Each structure stands twice: as C-alpha cells, then as structure tokens.
Amino acid sequence: MAKSGFAAGQLKSLIERIERLEEEKAALAADIREIYAEAKGHGFDVKIMRQVVRLRKLETADLQEQEAILDLYLSALGMQK
C-alpha cells in the first residue's frame, strides 16, 4: 500500500508539472501571436517571417541541402529562382 501511495503521489506531481508547463506554453504561444500581429501591422509578411524563423532553426548543412533540393525541383519544373 505504501508503494502504491508513493506512486500515486509521484504521478500527481508529474501531472501537475505538465499542466503548469502547458499553461506556460499557451501563454508563450499567445505572446508569439501578438508579435506576429504587430509585425503585420508594420507591413511585414508574416508568412515569410514564419519561414525565416523555421529556417533559422536548421543547421547550416540541413539548410543548404533543402535549398539544393528546392533548386533542383524548381529547375525540373522550369521555375528558376
């Protein structure tokens, strides 16, 4: 019984920590949306900004590989950059 009570208490603690982090994540997502809305208000293209943010997360080699594949596909379709 003691072991079961400990496991239940540990489980509850873990769940509560996850719930707090989920709340923080939601608040951060709202903050990010506000920044994109501000950028849009200043005339920036939010769709392109999201792409830039995504690309900046990539390692240099991965970025170069994606650009090379994109160039290859565009060339195959007759859509040179």
C-alpha atoms as a PDB file:
ATOM      1  CA  MET A   1       0.000   0.000   0.000  1.00  0.00           C
ATOM      2  CA  ALA A   2       2.791   2.424   0.874  1.00  0.00           C
ATOM      3  CA  LYS A   3       4.411   1.906  -2.517  1.00  0.00           C
ATOM      4  CA  SER A   4       1.088   2.477  -4.269  1.00  0.00           C
ATOM      5  CA  GLY A   5       0.542   5.696  -2.318  1.00  0.00           C
ATOM      6  CA  PHE A   6       4.032   6.898  -3.253  1.00  0.00           C
ATOM      7  CA  ALA A   7       3.443   6.114  -6.931  1.00  0.00           C
ATOM      8  CA  ALA A   8       0.124   7.959  -6.864  1.00  0.00           C
ATOM      9  CA  GLY A   9       1.731  10.986  -5.242  1.00  0.00           C
ATOM     10  CA  GLN A  10       4.589  10.949  -7.732  1.00  0.00           C
ATOM     11  CA  LEU A  11       2.150  10.608 -10.632  1.00  0.00           C
ATOM     12  CA  LYS A  12       0.072  13.523  -9.344  1.00  0.00           C
ATOM     13  CA  SER A  13       3.201  15.665  -9.021  1.00  0.00           C
ATOM     14  CA  LEU A  14       4.283  14.855 -12.575  1.00  0.00           C
ATOM     15  CA  ILE A  15       0.821  15.613 -13.967  1.00  0.00           C
ATOM     16  CA  GLU A  16       0.690  18.941 -12.144  1.00  0.00           C
ATOM     17  CA  ARG A  17       4.112  19.914 -13.513  1.00  0.00           C
ATOM     18  CA  ILE A  18       2.984  19.051 -17.033  1.00  0.00           C
ATOM     19  CA  GLU A  19      -0.184  21.096 -16.561  1.00  0.00           C
ATOM     20  CA  ARG A  20       1.832  24.140 -15.406  1.00  0.00           C
ATOM     21  CA  LEU A  21       4.135  23.826 -18.406  1.00  0.00           C
ATOM     22  CA  GLU A  22       1.146  23.511 -20.760  1.00  0.00           C
ATOM     23  CA  GLU A  23      -0.243  26.753 -19.293  1.00  0.00           C
ATOM     24  CA  GLU A  24       3.123  28.472 -19.825  1.00  0.00           C
ATOM     25  CA  LYS A  25       3.273  27.126 -23.380  1.00  0.00           C
ATOM     26  CA  ALA A  26      -0.179  28.532 -24.123  1.00  0.00           C
ATOM     27  CA  ALA A  27       0.839  31.924 -22.721  1.00  0.00           C
ATOM     28  CA  LEU A  28       4.005  31.930 -24.840  1.00  0.00           C
ATOM     29  CA  ALA A  29       2.015  30.996 -27.947  1.00  0.00           C
ATOM     30  CA  ALA A  30      -0.296  33.945 -27.295  1.00  0.00           C
ATOM     31  CA  ASP A  31       2.727  36.229 -26.928  1.00  0.00           C
ATOM     32  CA  ILE A  32       4.143  34.969 -30.231  1.00  0.00           C
ATOM     33  CA  ARG A  33       0.801  35.590 -31.972  1.00  0.00           C
ATOM     34  CA  GLU A  34       0.836  39.156 -30.644  1.00  0.00           C
ATOM     35  CA  ILE A  35       4.321  39.739 -32.050  1.00  0.00           C
ATOM     36  CA  TYR A  36       3.280  38.423 -35.461  1.00  0.00           C
ATOM     37  CA  ALA A  37       0.206  40.679 -35.348  1.00  0.00           C
ATOM     38  CA  GLU A  38       2.453  43.630 -34.518  1.00  0.00           C
ATOM     39  CA  ALA A  39       4.760  42.721 -37.409  1.00  0.00           C
ATOM     40  CA  LYS A  40       1.768  42.524 -39.744  1.00  0.00           C
ATOM     41  CA  GLY A  41       0.676  45.948 -38.540  1.00  0.00           C
ATOM     42  CA  HIS A  42       4.090  47.280 -39.548  1.00  0.00           C
ATOM     43  CA  GLY A  43       3.656  45.833 -43.041  1.00  0.00           C
ATOM     44  CA  PHE A  44       5.798  42.704 -42.734  1.00  0.00           C
ATOM     45  CA  ASP A  45       4.762  39.468 -44.441  1.00  0.00           C
ATOM     46  CA  VAL A  46       4.039  37.154 -41.508  1.00  0.00           C
ATOM     47  CA  LYS A  47       4.042  34.018 -43.652  1.00  0.00           C
ATOM     48  CA  ILE A  48       7.589  34.763 -44.789  1.00  0.00           C
ATOM     49  CA  MET A  49       8.637  35.655 -41.247  1.00  0.00           C
ATOM     50  CA  ARG A  50       7.437  32.238 -40.066  1.00  0.00           C
ATOM     51  CA  GLN A  51       9.526  30.616 -42.802  1.00  0.00           C
ATOM     52  CA  VAL A  52      12.580  32.625 -41.751  1.00  0.00           C
ATOM     53  CA  VAL A  53      12.123  31.570 -38.121  1.00  0.00           C
ATOM     54  CA  ARG A  54      11.817  27.927 -39.202  1.00  0.00           C
ATOM     55  CA  LEU A  55      14.896  28.137 -41.427  1.00  0.00           C
ATOM     56  CA  ARG A  56      16.998  29.811 -38.732  1.00  0.00           C
ATOM     57  CA  LYS A  57      16.464  26.739 -36.541  1.00  0.00           C
ATOM     58  CA  LEU A  58      18.168  24.495 -39.104  1.00  0.00           C
ATOM     59  CA  GLU A  59      21.809  23.552 -39.097  1.00  0.00           C
ATOM     60  CA  THR A  60      23.782  25.076 -41.973  1.00  0.00           C
ATOM     61  CA  ALA A  61      24.183  21.729 -43.747  1.00  0.00           C
ATOM     62  CA  ASP A  62      20.460  20.975 -43.491  1.00  0.00           C
ATOM     63  CA  LEU A  63      19.580  24.435 -44.808  1.00  0.00           C
ATOM     64  CA  GLN A  64      21.965  24.036 -47.742  1.00  0.00           C
ATOM     65  CA  GLU A  65      20.531  20.612 -48.512  1.00  0.00           C
ATOM     66  CA  GLN A  66      16.961  21.943 -48.504  1.00  0.00           C
ATOM     67  CA  GLU A  67      17.937  24.859 -50.742  1.00  0.00           C
ATOM     68  CA  ALA A  68      19.691  22.497 -53.176  1.00  0.00           C
ATOM     69  CA  ILE A  69      16.667  20.212 -53.359  1.00  0.00           C
ATOM     70  CA  LEU A  70      14.345  23.195 -53.819  1.00  0.00           C
ATOM     71  CA  ASP A  71      16.561  24.485 -56.654  1.00  0.00           C
ATOM     72  CA  LEU A  72      16.537  21.028 -58.246  1.00  0.00           C
ATOM     73  CA  TYR A  73      12.742  20.766 -58.063  1.00  0.00           C
ATOM     74  CA  LEU A  74      12.214  24.294 -59.377  1.00  0.00           C
ATOM     75  CA  SER A  75      14.621  23.592 -62.246  1.00  0.00           C
ATOM     76  CA  ALA A  76      12.814  20.355 -63.092  1.00  0.00           C
ATOM     77  CA  LEU A  77       9.548  22.308 -63.267  1.00  0.00           C
ATOM     78  CA  GLY A  78      11.070  25.121 -65.310  1.00  0.00           C
ATOM     79  CA  MET A  79      10.691  27.577 -62.430  1.00  0.00           C
ATOM     80  CA  GLN A  80      14.178  29.008 -61.981  1.00  0.00           C
ATOM     81  CA  LYS A  81      14.739  31.254 -58.977  1.00  0.00           C
END
